[in-house]
Amino acid sequence: MTDIHVLEESIYQTALIPALWPQLLDTLARTVGAEGALLANMSNEKLPWVASDGVGELYEDFFDGGWNYQNARSETLVARSNEGFISDIDFFTHEQMAAEPIYGDFLWRRNFGYATGTVLQSGGAKIAISIEKHRDKGPVGLEELAYLNRLRPHLARATSMAAHAELGKIEAALQAFDMAQIPCAIIRMDGRLLNANTRFERFGASIGVGANDMLTFSEQQAQQFYRSIQSFSRRYAASFPIKAANQHPAAVLHFIPVVGVARELFLHAAYFLTLAPVNDHIHVPAPMLKGLYDLTPTEARVAEALVEGLTVAEITERIGCAQETVRTHVKAILSKARMASQRDFVAAMSSISSVKF
């Protein structure tokens, strides 16, 4: 087995460098003769997960096939989460395994079937580690379990450290937005407010904070988008015009997806929210529009022309196609941007250049 002190150092290094999680999981697995390991947040199945290469394909099939919703093994793990690393062979006989779809229909068909796992508490989240062995190698032994349980307190501290490190990065980002005079907040996957800078908090006329840190928006389309966040299979950017109110100028509210597995995994962070004042004289390049709303190249060119203030007839002349074709592109753009009119779209885009990352 790997020297336990060397592995302890790797665990704490990984807490500060999220890109090292797959490597650490691989080392944990190989130390006990397994093929690979998974790190996942069991509090929300929609959050990302991290796996070492040896079980990456296995877990892609696992989550894509919905096996996380019909998994007696995971239910047992959660129920005994205070017992450290446990082996499935301690709770299931061969006959019981054969009767469970997770074994007979999924794991055994891929030459997997023995595992050990544990659940770690990180804030309010349950972080699971599952280490998978090929079936023909037999179950994880008592000596291996004892070794892993010596490491478990360090793994628990590492997940807590990782959450605090990512929270620190978010707070630094909020302060940077504040210095740039941009109101900004960050929300979780469930829509709850995670943190906000002082400029965002002052924008109370159009955006309020209610019970359980849930936000409310005066702009109906923004409110609808916000309420739908939990149901999204993937996150994407969106922008909504906010009317002037109570000495606050007209602005555009941007929902910007959080990037970074560690932030999503440990904090449930989903979106940055920024408010940018409207600027009537602006040029937003087509590549930016294409990336923001997943537009086709032609739709991006049409969107760019709209922001420049061109009419449908002028756009027709610029890109060399029929007016009806341009109108079709405009409808597609508004649909992808979730906006009701060209005016709303242009107003929203007018502030994008003032938001810098």
Foldseek 3Di string as FASTA:
>chain_A
DPDLVVLLVLLQVCLQVVVCVLVSQCVLQVVQPAQWKKKFWPVALLADIDIHPSCPVLVVCCSVVVVVVQDPQVVVQVVPQVVAKDKVVVPDPPVRQCVRCCRVVRQVVVQKHIWIKHWADAPPITMIMIHIHGVVVPYRDPVSRVSRRVCVVSNNVSLNSSQVSVVVVVVVVQVVCVVLVKWKFWAALQQATPGTDPSVVVVPVAWHQDPRRHIDGPDVLVRVVSNCSNVDSDDAKAKWWDPDDDPRHTWIWIWAFDDDSSCCRRPNIGTMIIIFHFDLDDFDQLVVLCRRQVADSLLSLLLRVLLNPDDLVRSCVVVVDDSVVSVVSVVVSCVSNVHDDSVGSSRRVRGVVSDDD
